[in-house]
Amino acid sequence: MHELSKGTLLIANPFLKDLNFLRTVVLICNHNAAEGSVGFVLNKPFSMHLHQLISEITDHDIPVSIGGPVQTDSLHFIHQYPDLIDGGEEILPGIFWGGNFETLKILLNNESLDKNKIRFFLGYSGWSEGQLNMELSGDSWITTSGTRKLLFDTPPENVWKDALKRMGGEYEKMINYPLDPQLN
């Protein structure tokens, strides 16, 4: 098991029944044993694009994902632009969470950013103090380190399978498990 810290991926156990996290992969952006954890689901596309949520955005092709079931009226982003968007927190080498949103809007509208180097999330996944460690002890999640490829280059429908394939061995076999083990 990978040590839980920012940049960790939580891969839902194939038999996890929680509909919010069924076959999902969550990127942990903040983890503090005393305060809890925050992350974003990487593989749940939202039905609307960014310009439909924020009228000041003119680009019509920027997808948004459902980051989780908490505060679904809040917008978050991860990116690879620390030199252009200040105020972000590094979660993996060269990958940042958040930053100056006004600057981001200007850069997006000027088409100064590669849209494949930024991701948007509506809401987030959150765990209170000790909750995530309890879920890990109960085998709800498989952990590994995040990669740029899984975060930015892998289509959402492939993230869960590709994360398990990357781990190999017994984990790679899990991609073929049925949603309901009684159907086996």
Protein backbone atom coordinates (compact mmCIF):
# COMPACT_ATOMS: atom_id res chain seq x y z
CA MET A 1 0.00 0.00 0.00
CA HIS A 2 1.22 3.47 -0.94
CA GLU A 3 1.64 5.95 1.93
CA LEU A 4 -1.30 8.34 2.08
CA SER A 5 -0.27 11.89 1.17
CA LYS A 6 -1.08 14.55 -1.40
CA GLY A 7 -0.62 13.11 -4.87
CA THR A 8 -1.90 9.68 -3.81
CA LEU A 9 -4.52 8.01 -5.98
CA LEU A 10 -7.35 6.17 -4.29
CA ILE A 11 -8.59 3.44 -6.60
CA ALA A 12 -12.00 2.12 -5.61
CA ASN A 13 -11.99 -1.56 -4.73
CA PRO A 14 -14.00 -3.35 -7.47
CA PHE A 15 -16.66 -4.32 -4.93
CA LEU A 16 -17.07 -0.92 -3.26
CA LYS A 17 -20.83 -0.36 -3.21
CA ASP A 18 -20.92 3.42 -2.54
CA LEU A 19 -22.47 4.86 -5.72
CA ASN A 20 -20.48 8.09 -5.30
CA PHE A 21 -17.26 6.12 -5.71
CA LEU A 22 -18.19 3.05 -7.76
CA ARG A 23 -15.12 2.22 -9.91
CA THR A 24 -13.63 5.67 -9.40
CA VAL A 25 -10.12 7.02 -8.92
CA VAL A 26 -9.66 9.94 -6.52
CA LEU A 27 -6.63 12.22 -6.50
CA ILE A 28 -5.77 13.25 -2.93
CA CYS A 29 -4.80 16.94 -2.86
CA ASN A 30 -4.62 17.41 0.89
CA HIS A 31 -4.21 14.87 3.68
CA ASN A 32 -3.78 15.64 7.34
CA ALA A 33 -4.37 12.89 9.90
CA ALA A 34 -5.75 15.43 12.40
CA GLU A 35 -7.99 17.33 9.97
CA GLY A 36 -8.99 14.91 7.22
CA SER A 37 -8.51 14.62 3.47
CA VAL A 38 -9.64 16.34 0.27
CA GLY A 39 -9.49 14.96 -3.25
CA PHE A 40 -11.15 14.90 -6.65
CA VAL A 41 -12.73 12.05 -8.60
CA LEU A 42 -10.86 11.81 -11.90
CA ASN A 43 -13.27 9.71 -13.92
CA LYS A 44 -16.78 11.15 -13.57
CA PRO A 45 -17.46 13.63 -16.39
CA PHE A 46 -20.06 16.32 -15.68
CA SER A 47 -22.80 16.99 -18.24
CA MET A 48 -21.84 20.64 -18.76
CA HIS A 49 -18.71 22.46 -19.96
CA LEU A 50 -16.92 25.24 -18.09
CA HIS A 51 -18.44 28.08 -20.17
CA GLN A 52 -21.92 26.87 -19.14
CA LEU A 53 -20.99 27.23 -15.47
CA ILE A 54 -18.98 30.46 -15.67
CA SER A 55 -20.29 33.00 -18.16
CA GLU A 56 -16.97 34.88 -18.33
CA ILE A 57 -15.30 31.84 -19.97
CA THR A 58 -15.57 32.01 -23.76
CA ASP A 59 -14.01 28.63 -24.68
CA HIS A 60 -16.75 26.07 -25.34
CA ASP A 61 -14.64 22.91 -25.18
CA ILE A 62 -13.42 22.78 -21.58
CA PRO A 63 -14.87 19.74 -19.82
CA VAL A 64 -15.71 19.59 -16.12
CA SER A 65 -15.69 16.50 -13.92
CA ILE A 66 -17.70 15.70 -10.81
CA GLY A 67 -15.03 15.98 -8.13
CA GLY A 68 -17.13 14.35 -5.46
CA PRO A 69 -20.30 14.57 -3.45
CA VAL A 70 -19.20 17.45 -1.15
CA GLN A 71 -20.04 21.10 -1.96
CA THR A 72 -21.11 20.40 -5.51
CA ASP A 73 -21.61 24.14 -6.00
CA SER A 74 -17.84 24.78 -5.74
CA LEU A 75 -15.37 24.69 -8.63
CA HIS A 76 -11.77 23.46 -8.27
CA PHE A 77 -8.91 22.90 -10.69
CA ILE A 78 -5.55 21.22 -11.04
CA HIS A 79 -2.99 22.40 -13.56
CA GLN A 80 0.57 22.35 -14.84
CA TYR A 81 1.05 26.15 -14.97
CA PRO A 82 2.77 27.31 -11.75
CA ASP A 83 4.61 30.07 -13.66
CA LEU A 84 1.37 31.53 -15.05
CA ILE A 85 -1.16 30.85 -12.27
CA ASP A 86 0.12 31.90 -8.87
CA GLY A 87 -1.21 30.73 -5.53
CA GLY A 88 -1.50 27.03 -6.36
CA GLU A 89 -0.37 24.23 -4.06
CA GLU A 90 1.96 21.61 -5.52
CA ILE A 91 0.48 18.13 -5.14
CA LEU A 92 2.89 16.24 -7.41
CA PRO A 93 6.05 17.50 -9.13
CA GLY A 94 4.85 20.11 -11.63
CA ILE A 95 1.15 19.58 -10.84
CA PHE A 96 -0.72 22.16 -8.79
CA TRP A 97 -4.12 22.48 -7.14
CA GLY A 98 -5.87 25.83 -7.38
CA GLY A 99 -4.47 29.29 -7.75
CA ASN A 100 -5.58 32.75 -8.82
CA PHE A 101 -8.90 32.20 -10.59
CA GLU A 102 -9.05 35.69 -12.14
CA THR A 103 -5.69 35.07 -13.82
CA LEU A 104 -6.92 31.66 -14.95
CA LYS A 105 -10.01 33.16 -16.62
CA ILE A 106 -7.88 35.67 -18.54
CA LEU A 107 -5.45 32.96 -19.69
CA LEU A 108 -8.30 30.70 -20.80
CA ASN A 109 -10.05 33.46 -22.72
CA ASN A 110 -6.76 34.46 -24.39
CA GLU A 111 -6.22 30.80 -25.33
CA SER A 112 -2.83 30.94 -23.57
CA LEU A 113 -3.21 27.52 -21.94
CA ASP A 114 -3.13 24.01 -23.33
CA LYS A 115 -6.48 22.60 -22.18
CA ASN A 116 -4.83 19.19 -21.78
CA LYS A 117 -2.77 20.58 -18.89
CA ILE A 118 -5.68 21.72 -16.74
CA ARG A 119 -8.68 19.91 -15.20
CA PHE A 120 -11.82 21.30 -13.56
CA PHE A 121 -13.94 19.66 -10.87
CA LEU A 122 -17.37 20.49 -9.51
CA GLY A 123 -17.40 19.61 -5.83
CA TYR A 124 -14.86 17.49 -4.03
CA SER A 125 -14.42 14.27 -2.10
CA GLY A 126 -13.77 14.79 1.58
CA TRP A 127 -13.06 12.66 4.63
CA SER A 128 -13.08 13.78 8.24
CA GLU A 129 -10.32 13.00 10.71
CA GLY A 130 -9.58 9.26 10.66
CA GLN A 131 -12.41 8.43 8.21
CA LEU A 132 -10.20 7.70 5.21
CA ASN A 133 -7.78 5.59 7.25
CA MET A 134 -10.77 3.56 8.45
CA GLU A 135 -11.92 3.05 4.84
CA LEU A 136 -8.40 2.00 3.86
CA SER A 137 -8.33 -0.53 6.71
CA GLY A 138 -11.64 -1.88 5.42
CA ASP A 139 -10.16 -2.41 1.94
CA SER A 140 -12.46 0.12 0.26
CA TRP A 141 -9.51 1.66 -1.55
CA ILE A 142 -6.29 0.63 -3.24
CA THR A 143 -3.57 3.28 -3.16
CA THR A 144 -0.80 4.22 -5.56
CA SER A 145 1.00 7.37 -6.60
CA GLY A 146 -0.54 9.70 -9.14
CA THR A 147 0.96 10.24 -12.56
CA ARG A 148 0.68 13.05 -15.08
CA LYS A 149 -0.58 10.53 -17.65
CA LEU A 150 -3.49 9.32 -15.48
CA LEU A 151 -4.39 12.86 -14.40
CA PHE A 152 -4.29 14.62 -17.76
CA ASP A 153 -3.88 12.21 -20.68
CA THR A 154 -6.14 9.26 -19.91
CA PRO A 155 -9.79 9.43 -21.02
CA PRO A 156 -12.11 9.34 -17.97
CA GLU A 157 -13.65 6.01 -18.99
CA ASN A 158 -10.19 4.38 -18.88
CA VAL A 159 -8.76 5.90 -15.67
CA TRP A 160 -9.90 3.16 -13.24
CA LYS A 161 -8.73 0.30 -15.48
CA ASP A 162 -5.47 1.98 -16.47
CA ALA A 163 -4.61 2.76 -12.83
CA LEU A 164 -5.03 -0.91 -11.93
CA LYS A 165 -3.16 -2.10 -15.04
CA ARG A 166 -0.27 0.18 -14.10
CA MET A 167 -0.05 -1.58 -10.72
CA GLY A 168 0.10 -4.99 -12.43
CA GLY A 169 -0.20 -8.45 -10.86
CA GLU A 170 -3.33 -9.15 -8.84
CA TYR A 171 -4.52 -5.55 -9.33
CA GLU A 172 -4.52 -5.83 -13.11
CA LYS A 173 -6.81 -8.87 -12.83
CA MET A 174 -9.36 -6.75 -10.94
CA ILE A 175 -10.35 -4.86 -14.08
CA ASN A 176 -12.28 -7.94 -15.20
CA TYR A 177 -14.23 -8.39 -11.94
CA PRO A 178 -17.99 -8.01 -12.38
CA LEU A 179 -19.77 -5.09 -10.68
CA ASP A 180 -21.84 -7.61 -8.74
CA PRO A 181 -19.83 -10.67 -7.60
CA GLN A 182 -23.05 -12.70 -7.47
CA LEU A 183 -23.14 -12.51 -11.25
CA ASN A 184 -19.84 -14.34 -11.47
